[in-house]
N, C-alpha and C. Protein backbone atom coordinates (compact mmCIF):
# COMPACT_ATOMS: atom_id res chain seq x y z
N MET A 1 -28.42 12.10 5.62
CA MET A 1 -27.17 12.50 4.64
C MET A 1 -27.63 13.58 4.41
N LYS A 2 -26.91 14.52 4.18
CA LYS A 2 -26.98 16.47 3.27
C LYS A 2 -27.40 16.05 1.80
N CYS A 3 -28.28 16.96 1.34
CA CYS A 3 -28.51 16.59 -0.32
C CYS A 3 -26.70 18.01 -0.45
N ALA A 4 -26.13 17.26 -1.19
CA ALA A 4 -25.38 17.97 -2.09
C ALA A 4 -25.99 19.44 -2.31
N TYR A 5 -26.51 19.44 -3.14
CA TYR A 5 -27.24 20.40 -3.52
C TYR A 5 -28.22 21.71 -3.13
N CYS A 6 -29.45 20.96 -2.51
CA CYS A 6 -30.06 22.52 -1.64
C CYS A 6 -29.78 21.94 -0.24
N GLY A 7 -29.09 20.73 0.64
CA GLY A 7 -28.86 21.19 1.96
C GLY A 7 -29.63 20.12 2.52
N CYS A 8 -30.78 19.64 2.25
CA CYS A 8 -31.90 19.08 2.97
C CYS A 8 -30.85 17.65 4.03
N GLU A 9 -31.58 17.08 4.71
CA GLU A 9 -30.98 16.01 5.53
C GLU A 9 -32.37 14.90 5.15
N ASP A 10 -33.10 15.04 4.26
CA ASP A 10 -33.92 14.17 3.86
C ASP A 10 -33.86 13.25 2.86
N SER A 11 -33.20 12.30 2.37
CA SER A 11 -32.85 11.51 1.38
C SER A 11 -33.30 9.81 1.19
N ARG A 12 -33.55 9.83 0.14
CA ARG A 12 -33.77 8.32 0.78
C ARG A 12 -32.74 7.18 -0.52
N VAL A 13 -32.62 6.06 -0.18
CA VAL A 13 -31.25 5.44 -1.25
C VAL A 13 -31.43 4.47 -2.15
N ILE A 14 -31.32 4.57 -3.81
CA ILE A 14 -31.52 4.43 -4.67
C ILE A 14 -31.24 2.68 -4.87
N ASP A 15 -29.91 2.67 -4.86
CA ASP A 15 -29.09 1.79 -5.11
C ASP A 15 -27.73 1.97 -3.97
N SER A 16 -27.32 0.41 -3.83
CA SER A 16 -26.40 0.06 -2.62
C SER A 16 -25.17 -0.58 -3.30
N ARG A 17 -24.09 -0.90 -3.54
CA ARG A 17 -23.16 -1.40 -4.42
C ARG A 17 -22.01 -1.97 -3.29
N ASN A 18 -21.22 -2.71 -3.12
CA ASN A 18 -19.78 -2.73 -2.79
C ASN A 18 -18.93 -2.15 -3.90
N CYS A 19 -17.83 -1.46 -3.55
CA CYS A 19 -16.68 -1.37 -4.54
C CYS A 19 -15.35 -1.43 -3.53
N ASP A 20 -14.43 -1.20 -4.39
CA ASP A 20 -12.99 -0.75 -3.89
C ASP A 20 -12.82 -2.52 -2.90
N GLU A 21 -13.30 -3.28 -3.85
CA GLU A 21 -12.65 -5.24 -3.25
C GLU A 21 -13.73 -5.38 -1.73
N ASN A 22 -15.08 -4.61 -1.79
CA ASN A 22 -15.67 -4.98 -0.46
C ASN A 22 -15.52 -4.28 0.54
N ASN A 23 -14.53 -2.82 0.47
CA ASN A 23 -13.71 -2.00 1.60
C ASN A 23 -15.12 -1.03 1.65
N SER A 24 -16.05 -0.73 0.83
CA SER A 24 -16.62 0.09 0.98
C SER A 24 -18.39 -0.26 0.06
N ILE A 25 -18.98 0.97 0.51
CA ILE A 25 -19.94 1.19 -0.15
C ILE A 25 -20.54 2.25 -0.94
N ARG A 26 -21.15 2.09 -2.32
CA ARG A 26 -21.69 3.41 -3.08
C ARG A 26 -22.97 3.56 -2.84
N ARG A 27 -23.54 3.97 -2.33
CA ARG A 27 -25.14 4.46 -2.12
C ARG A 27 -25.46 5.97 -3.50
N ARG A 28 -26.23 5.36 -4.05
CA ARG A 28 -27.32 6.32 -4.52
C ARG A 28 -28.56 6.81 -3.87
N ARG A 29 -27.87 8.20 -3.94
CA ARG A 29 -29.48 8.90 -3.21
C ARG A 29 -30.09 9.80 -3.71
N GLU A 30 -31.67 9.58 -3.37
CA GLU A 30 -32.46 10.95 -4.20
C GLU A 30 -32.96 11.76 -2.70
N CYS A 31 -32.30 13.53 -3.16
CA CYS A 31 -33.37 14.00 -2.39
C CYS A 31 -34.89 14.02 -2.26
N ALA A 32 -35.08 13.89 -1.03
CA ALA A 32 -36.95 14.47 -0.45
C ALA A 32 -37.51 15.72 -0.99
N ALA A 33 -35.96 16.58 -1.00
CA ALA A 33 -36.92 17.84 -1.37
C ALA A 33 -37.01 18.42 -2.50
N CYS A 34 -35.19 18.08 -3.52
CA CYS A 34 -35.38 19.01 -5.02
C CYS A 34 -35.20 17.80 -5.95
N GLY A 35 -35.33 16.24 -5.08
CA GLY A 35 -35.66 15.29 -6.47
C GLY A 35 -33.98 15.20 -7.02
N ARG A 36 -33.30 15.57 -6.44
CA ARG A 36 -31.87 15.11 -7.34
C ARG A 36 -31.36 14.38 -6.22
N ARG A 37 -30.25 13.61 -8.12
CA ARG A 37 -29.40 12.32 -7.11
C ARG A 37 -28.01 12.85 -7.27
N PHE A 38 -27.78 12.05 -6.33
CA PHE A 38 -25.87 12.17 -5.71
C PHE A 38 -25.32 10.93 -4.92
N THR A 39 -24.51 10.56 -5.56
CA THR A 39 -23.42 9.69 -4.63
C THR A 39 -22.64 9.57 -3.54
N THR A 40 -22.84 9.05 -2.60
CA THR A 40 -22.11 8.92 -1.40
C THR A 40 -21.05 7.54 -1.21
N TYR A 41 -20.98 7.31 -0.26
CA TYR A 41 -19.42 6.24 -0.01
C TYR A 41 -19.28 6.21 1.12
N GLU A 42 -19.31 5.27 1.50
CA GLU A 42 -19.44 4.72 3.29
C GLU A 42 -18.15 3.61 3.56
N THR A 43 -16.85 4.03 3.77
CA THR A 43 -15.95 3.44 4.51
C THR A 43 -15.65 3.03 5.85
N ILE A 44 -14.91 2.03 6.26
CA ILE A 44 -14.50 2.18 7.58
C ILE A 44 -13.68 2.93 8.17
N GLU A 45 -13.91 3.58 8.91
CA GLU A 45 -12.85 4.78 9.54
C GLU A 45 -11.54 3.56 10.40
N GLN A 46 -10.70 4.31 9.82
CA GLN A 46 -9.20 3.68 10.45
C GLN A 46 -8.29 4.09 11.43
N THR A 47 -7.42 3.73 11.97
CA THR A 47 -7.07 4.48 12.92
C THR A 47 -5.55 4.96 12.44
N PRO A 48 -5.51 6.00 12.71
CA PRO A 48 -4.08 6.93 12.02
C PRO A 48 -3.02 6.13 12.61
N ILE A 49 -2.28 5.62 11.81
CA ILE A 49 -0.75 4.73 12.03
C ILE A 49 0.51 6.03 11.99
N LEU A 50 0.91 6.41 13.01
CA LEU A 50 2.43 6.80 12.82
C LEU A 50 3.87 5.82 12.24
N VAL A 51 4.38 6.78 11.68
CA VAL A 51 5.93 5.66 11.18
C VAL A 51 6.47 6.38 12.22
N VAL A 52 7.35 5.54 12.45
CA VAL A 52 8.84 6.09 13.13
C VAL A 52 9.88 6.10 12.78
N LYS A 53 10.68 7.33 12.25
CA LYS A 53 11.39 7.21 11.56
C LYS A 53 13.11 6.84 12.29
N ASN A 54 14.29 6.92 11.66
CA ASN A 54 15.24 6.54 12.00
C ASN A 54 15.87 8.24 12.71
N SER A 55 15.44 8.90 12.74
CA SER A 55 15.60 10.00 13.95
C SER A 55 15.14 10.24 14.86
N GLY A 56 14.25 9.02 14.72
CA GLY A 56 12.89 8.80 16.15
C GLY A 56 11.38 10.35 15.58
N GLU A 57 11.96 11.08 14.48
CA GLU A 57 10.44 11.58 14.49
C GLU A 57 9.14 11.24 13.97
N ARG A 58 8.55 11.74 14.21
CA ARG A 58 7.23 10.55 13.99
C ARG A 58 6.30 11.26 13.13
N GLN A 59 5.91 10.71 12.06
CA GLN A 59 4.95 11.32 10.65
C GLN A 59 3.78 10.13 10.42
N ALA A 60 2.76 10.62 9.72
CA ALA A 60 1.61 10.09 9.22
C ALA A 60 1.83 8.85 7.90
N PHE A 61 1.18 7.52 8.46
CA PHE A 61 1.39 6.90 7.13
C PHE A 61 1.12 7.26 5.95
N SER A 62 1.91 6.76 5.19
CA SER A 62 1.30 7.08 4.19
C SER A 62 1.07 6.17 3.23
N ILE A 63 -0.06 5.12 2.64
CA ILE A 63 0.32 4.40 1.54
C ILE A 63 0.88 4.65 0.10
N GLU A 64 0.89 5.93 -0.21
CA GLU A 64 1.50 6.78 -1.07
C GLU A 64 2.45 6.46 -1.65
N LYS A 65 3.64 6.88 -0.24
CA LYS A 65 4.97 6.57 -0.05
C LYS A 65 5.51 5.58 -0.43
N VAL A 66 4.60 4.65 0.38
CA VAL A 66 5.25 2.83 0.06
C VAL A 66 4.76 2.84 -1.49
N LYS A 67 3.40 2.92 -2.41
CA LYS A 67 3.23 2.62 -3.93
C LYS A 67 4.39 3.55 -4.60
N ASN A 68 4.76 4.25 -4.10
CA ASN A 68 5.80 5.62 -5.06
C ASN A 68 7.20 4.98 -4.79
N GLY A 69 7.76 4.20 -3.96
CA GLY A 69 8.34 3.21 -3.64
C GLY A 69 8.55 2.24 -4.56
N ILE A 70 7.53 1.38 -4.29
CA ILE A 70 7.35 0.14 -5.37
C ILE A 70 7.47 0.61 -6.47
N MET A 71 6.58 1.67 -6.77
CA MET A 71 6.77 2.42 -8.82
C MET A 71 8.52 2.43 -9.40
N LYS A 72 8.88 3.18 -8.28
CA LYS A 72 10.08 3.14 -8.76
C LYS A 72 11.09 2.16 -8.77
N ALA A 73 10.75 1.53 -7.98
CA ALA A 73 11.63 -0.02 -7.91
C ALA A 73 11.58 -0.52 -9.37
N CYS A 74 10.30 -0.78 -9.45
CA CYS A 74 9.89 -1.09 -10.86
C CYS A 74 9.51 -0.78 -11.88
N GLU A 75 10.40 0.88 -11.75
CA GLU A 75 10.08 1.39 -13.08
C GLU A 75 11.43 0.65 -14.43
N LYS A 76 10.60 0.42 -15.53
CA LYS A 76 11.39 -0.29 -16.61
C LYS A 76 11.27 -1.60 -16.24
N ARG A 77 10.50 -2.32 -15.76
CA ARG A 77 10.77 -3.67 -15.51
C ARG A 77 9.31 -4.24 -16.21
N PRO A 78 9.05 -5.52 -15.97
CA PRO A 78 7.95 -5.80 -17.04
C PRO A 78 7.00 -6.18 -15.63
N VAL A 79 6.60 -5.08 -15.07
CA VAL A 79 5.77 -5.53 -13.72
C VAL A 79 4.47 -4.47 -14.04
N SER A 80 3.47 -5.08 -14.15
CA SER A 80 1.58 -4.15 -14.05
C SER A 80 1.44 -3.87 -12.87
N MET A 81 0.95 -2.81 -13.14
CA MET A 81 0.53 -1.80 -12.15
C MET A 81 -0.84 -2.67 -11.27
N HIS A 82 -1.15 -3.37 -11.73
CA HIS A 82 -2.13 -4.52 -10.90
C HIS A 82 -1.51 -4.99 -9.76
N VAL A 83 -0.36 -5.76 -10.30
CA VAL A 83 0.53 -6.19 -9.22
C VAL A 83 1.10 -5.53 -8.52
N ILE A 84 1.49 -4.63 -7.79
CA ILE A 84 2.00 -3.34 -7.93
C ILE A 84 0.76 -3.02 -7.09
N ASP A 85 -0.26 -2.63 -7.67
CA ASP A 85 -1.44 -2.20 -6.28
C ASP A 85 -1.75 -3.51 -5.36
N LYS A 86 -1.78 -5.05 -5.59
CA LYS A 86 -1.64 -6.29 -4.84
C LYS A 86 -0.46 -6.12 -3.72
N ALA A 87 0.54 -5.63 -4.34
CA ALA A 87 1.74 -5.94 -3.06
C ALA A 87 1.66 -4.78 -2.52
N VAL A 88 1.15 -3.64 -2.63
CA VAL A 88 0.45 -2.33 -2.05
C VAL A 88 -0.71 -2.48 -1.09
N GLN A 89 -1.40 -3.19 -1.50
CA GLN A 89 -2.60 -3.48 -0.72
C GLN A 89 -2.42 -4.60 0.32
N GLU A 90 -1.33 -5.41 0.25
CA GLU A 90 -0.88 -6.56 1.02
C GLU A 90 -0.06 -5.85 2.45
N ILE A 91 1.06 -4.88 1.77
CA ILE A 91 1.20 -4.48 2.85
C ILE A 91 0.80 -3.26 3.59
N GLU A 92 -0.61 -2.49 3.41
CA GLU A 92 -1.42 -1.68 3.68
C GLU A 92 -2.08 -2.80 4.98
N LYS A 93 -2.89 -3.65 4.00
CA LYS A 93 -3.13 -4.71 5.44
C LYS A 93 -2.41 -5.48 6.13
N GLN A 94 -1.09 -5.50 6.30
CA GLN A 94 -0.03 -5.97 7.26
C GLN A 94 0.64 -5.16 8.17
N ILE A 95 -0.15 -3.62 7.72
CA ILE A 95 0.64 -2.67 8.88
C ILE A 95 -0.73 -2.13 9.36
N TYR A 96 -2.05 -2.55 9.13
CA TYR A 96 -3.18 -2.25 9.66
C TYR A 96 -3.78 -3.40 10.73
N ASN A 97 -3.66 -4.85 10.57
CA ASN A 97 -4.00 -5.29 11.12
C ASN A 97 -2.85 -6.23 12.38
N ARG A 98 -1.80 -5.24 12.43
CA ARG A 98 -0.90 -5.20 13.44
C ARG A 98 -1.51 -4.66 14.89
N LEU A 99 -2.96 -4.16 15.03
CA LEU A 99 -2.93 -3.43 15.60
C LEU A 99 -2.39 -2.50 16.80
N ASP A 100 -1.30 -1.92 16.16
CA ASP A 100 -0.31 -1.06 16.71
C ASP A 100 -0.85 0.56 16.18
N THR A 101 -0.30 1.55 16.55
CA THR A 101 -0.87 2.42 16.22
C THR A 101 0.57 3.15 15.75
N GLU A 102 1.47 2.29 16.26
CA GLU A 102 3.32 3.14 15.76
C GLU A 102 3.76 1.71 14.96
N ILE A 103 4.27 2.41 13.78
CA ILE A 103 5.15 1.65 12.91
C ILE A 103 6.61 1.88 12.69
N THR A 104 8.00 1.44 12.46
CA THR A 104 9.16 1.74 12.53
C THR A 104 9.36 1.71 10.82
N SER A 105 9.98 2.83 10.36
CA SER A 105 10.24 2.70 8.89
C SER A 105 10.73 1.55 8.54
N LYS A 106 11.90 1.08 9.20
CA LYS A 106 12.41 -0.37 8.90
C LYS A 106 11.55 -1.32 8.73
N GLU A 107 10.63 -1.09 9.52
CA GLU A 107 9.23 -2.46 9.66
C GLU A 107 8.74 -2.08 8.39
N ILE A 108 8.46 -1.27 7.45
CA ILE A 108 7.75 -0.81 6.24
C ILE A 108 8.86 -1.16 5.23
N GLY A 109 9.57 -0.86 5.54
CA GLY A 109 10.95 -1.02 4.20
C GLY A 109 11.46 -2.56 4.17
N GLU A 110 11.29 -3.60 5.43
CA GLU A 110 11.58 -5.05 5.55
C GLU A 110 10.19 -5.37 4.63
N MET A 111 8.97 -5.18 4.81
CA MET A 111 7.34 -5.30 4.12
C MET A 111 8.05 -4.97 2.73
N VAL A 112 8.25 -3.99 2.04
CA VAL A 112 8.11 -3.81 0.98
C VAL A 112 9.34 -4.74 -0.07
N MET A 113 10.79 -5.23 0.53
CA MET A 113 11.59 -5.72 0.34
C MET A 113 10.69 -6.80 0.34
N GLU A 114 10.19 -7.91 1.16
CA GLU A 114 9.37 -9.28 0.98
C GLU A 114 8.78 -9.11 -0.20
N GLN A 115 7.28 -8.02 -0.77
CA GLN A 115 7.03 -7.68 -1.34
C GLN A 115 7.52 -8.24 -2.78
N LEU A 116 8.67 -7.18 -3.03
CA LEU A 116 9.79 -7.00 -4.07
C LEU A 116 10.24 -8.41 -4.35
N ARG A 117 10.90 -9.15 -3.54
CA ARG A 117 11.44 -10.35 -3.78
C ARG A 117 10.47 -11.65 -4.39
N LYS A 118 9.01 -10.87 -4.46
CA LYS A 118 8.09 -11.95 -4.73
C LYS A 118 7.60 -11.70 -6.02
N ILE A 119 7.46 -10.12 -6.74
CA ILE A 119 7.28 -9.65 -7.69
C ILE A 119 8.72 -9.92 -8.82
N ASP A 120 9.90 -9.24 -8.63
CA ASP A 120 10.75 -9.00 -9.36
C ASP A 120 11.97 -9.16 -8.69
N ASP A 121 13.46 -9.46 -9.15
CA ASP A 121 14.27 -9.90 -8.86
C ASP A 121 15.48 -8.63 -8.73
N VAL A 122 15.13 -8.04 -9.63
CA VAL A 122 15.78 -6.54 -10.24
C VAL A 122 14.99 -5.02 -9.55
N ALA A 123 13.71 -5.59 -9.74
CA ALA A 123 12.87 -4.50 -8.57
C ALA A 123 13.72 -4.95 -6.79
N TYR A 124 13.53 -5.85 -6.61
CA TYR A 124 14.26 -5.95 -5.10
C TYR A 124 14.96 -5.34 -4.78
N VAL A 125 16.40 -5.77 -5.96
CA VAL A 125 17.70 -5.51 -6.11
C VAL A 125 17.77 -3.75 -5.70
N ARG A 126 17.10 -2.97 -6.93
CA ARG A 126 16.75 -1.80 -7.05
C ARG A 126 16.80 -0.95 -5.50
N PHE A 127 15.56 -1.56 -4.80
CA PHE A 127 15.23 -0.87 -3.81
C PHE A 127 16.19 -1.20 -2.62
N ALA A 128 16.49 -2.21 -2.43
CA ALA A 128 17.58 -2.60 -1.44
C ALA A 128 18.85 -1.64 -1.46
N SER A 129 19.47 -1.87 -2.70
CA SER A 129 20.30 -0.47 -2.68
C SER A 129 20.43 0.69 -1.66
N VAL A 130 19.04 1.10 -2.37
CA VAL A 130 18.52 2.72 -1.75
C VAL A 130 18.61 2.42 -0.27
N TYR A 131 16.89 1.67 0.26
CA TYR A 131 16.92 1.19 1.36
C TYR A 131 18.08 0.93 2.44
N LYS A 132 19.03 0.04 2.01
CA LYS A 132 20.16 -0.27 3.06
C LYS A 132 21.09 0.32 2.97
N GLN A 133 21.35 1.76 2.33
CA GLN A 133 22.35 2.36 2.10
C GLN A 133 23.45 2.33 1.95
N PHE A 134 23.90 1.40 0.77
CA PHE A 134 25.28 0.87 0.54
C PHE A 134 26.62 1.64 0.71
N LYS A 135 27.28 1.83 1.62
CA LYS A 135 28.33 2.88 1.44
C LYS A 135 29.16 2.71 0.16
N ASP A 136 29.54 1.43 -0.19
CA ASP A 136 30.28 1.30 -1.32
C ASP A 136 29.71 0.15 -1.74
N ALA A 137 30.72 -0.08 -3.60
CA ALA A 137 30.55 -1.53 -4.25
C ALA A 137 30.52 -2.91 -3.45
N SER A 138 31.44 -2.74 -2.40
CA SER A 138 31.65 -4.03 -1.96
C SER A 138 30.45 -4.56 -0.57
N THR A 139 30.15 -4.06 -0.59
CA THR A 139 29.04 -4.06 0.51
C THR A 139 27.54 -4.14 -0.40
N PHE A 140 27.91 -3.87 -1.57
CA PHE A 140 26.93 -4.05 -2.58
C PHE A 140 26.81 -5.51 -2.93
N PHE A 141 27.85 -5.59 -3.14
CA PHE A 141 28.12 -7.14 -3.81
C PHE A 141 27.93 -7.86 -2.93
N GLU A 142 28.23 -7.63 -1.74
CA GLU A 142 28.48 -8.87 -0.49
C GLU A 142 26.43 -9.15 -0.22
N TYR A 143 26.09 -8.38 -0.37
CA TYR A 143 24.00 -8.58 -0.46
C TYR A 143 23.75 -8.99 -1.28
N LEU A 144 24.48 -8.96 -2.84
CA LEU A 144 24.19 -10.24 -4.17
C LEU A 144 24.60 -11.38 -3.74
N ASN A 145 25.66 -11.31 -3.12
CA ASN A 145 25.97 -12.25 -3.17
C ASN A 145 25.31 -13.02 -1.97
N GLU A 146 24.51 -12.68 -1.19
CA GLU A 146 23.26 -13.19 -0.48
C GLU A 146 22.37 -13.23 -0.69
N PHE A 147 21.70 -12.65 -1.49
CA PHE A 147 21.00 -12.20 -2.37
C PHE A 147 20.71 -13.72 -3.34
N ASP A 148 21.76 -13.79 -4.16
CA ASP A 148 22.13 -15.28 -4.74
C ASP A 148 22.08 -16.38 -4.40
N LYS A 149 22.15 -16.76 -2.96
CA LYS A 149 22.51 -17.66 -2.10
C LYS A 149 21.30 -18.25 -1.79
N MET A 150 20.51 -16.97 -1.67
CA MET A 150 19.18 -17.23 -0.98
C MET A 150 18.21 -17.29 -2.79
N LEU A 151 18.15 -17.45 -3.37
CA LEU A 151 17.61 -17.84 -5.04
C LEU A 151 18.09 -19.44 -4.94
N LYS A 152 19.14 -19.26 -4.94
CA LYS A 152 19.85 -20.99 -5.17
C LYS A 152 18.81 -21.80 -4.30
N HIS A 153 18.94 -21.27 -2.95
CA HIS A 153 17.85 -22.16 -1.17
C HIS A 153 16.91 -22.08 -2.50
N LYS A 154 16.23 -21.25 -3.17
CA LYS A 154 14.86 -21.53 -3.32
C LYS A 154 14.89 -22.00 -4.11
N GLU A 155 15.36 -22.14 -4.80
CA GLU A 155 15.40 -23.00 -6.34
C GLU A 155 15.64 -24.28 -5.78
N ASP A 156 16.71 -25.17 -5.07
CA ASP A 156 16.32 -26.00 -4.49
C ASP A 156 15.30 -27.00 -3.83
N LYS A 157 14.38 -25.88 -3.22
CA LYS A 157 13.49 -26.35 -2.59
C LYS A 157 12.46 -26.17 -3.35
N ASN A 158 12.31 -25.87 -4.52
CA ASN A 158 11.19 -25.33 -5.89
C ASN A 158 11.60 -27.15 -6.78
N SER A 159 12.79 -27.75 -6.65
CA SER A 159 13.04 -28.68 -7.46
C SER A 159 12.96 -30.02 -6.42
């Protein structure tokens, strides 16, 4: 590992710690030439995932887009950032565990809706209204009726 200050390739590890929920290792190093200390991070290299849009266009998967969509749906709702981050991590884990290098935007949208359904009903309906691109109020109300039936079925199972 090259020193960040003098470029020397000889350094020793002083301290190693797991970070980011054991997904990476933080290492404190000391340069053998100049004696200065610097930090490096070691992470697993992930295969790039391509998202296939409805138009057929392909673009690189961005977990930030998923997070922004969830945050927008949860805006002004009593949902903590910790809960949102957990949902985003779960979606990311599902996508990378597929062992496929392409995923459709529809599949990602379904994963987001599944997570939002667990988090907050209003956020779920907000996201669904944008994601499903309702043409008019009647199709929106039809979807709400289906959602209501699903909630009642869920309550019956828990009783």
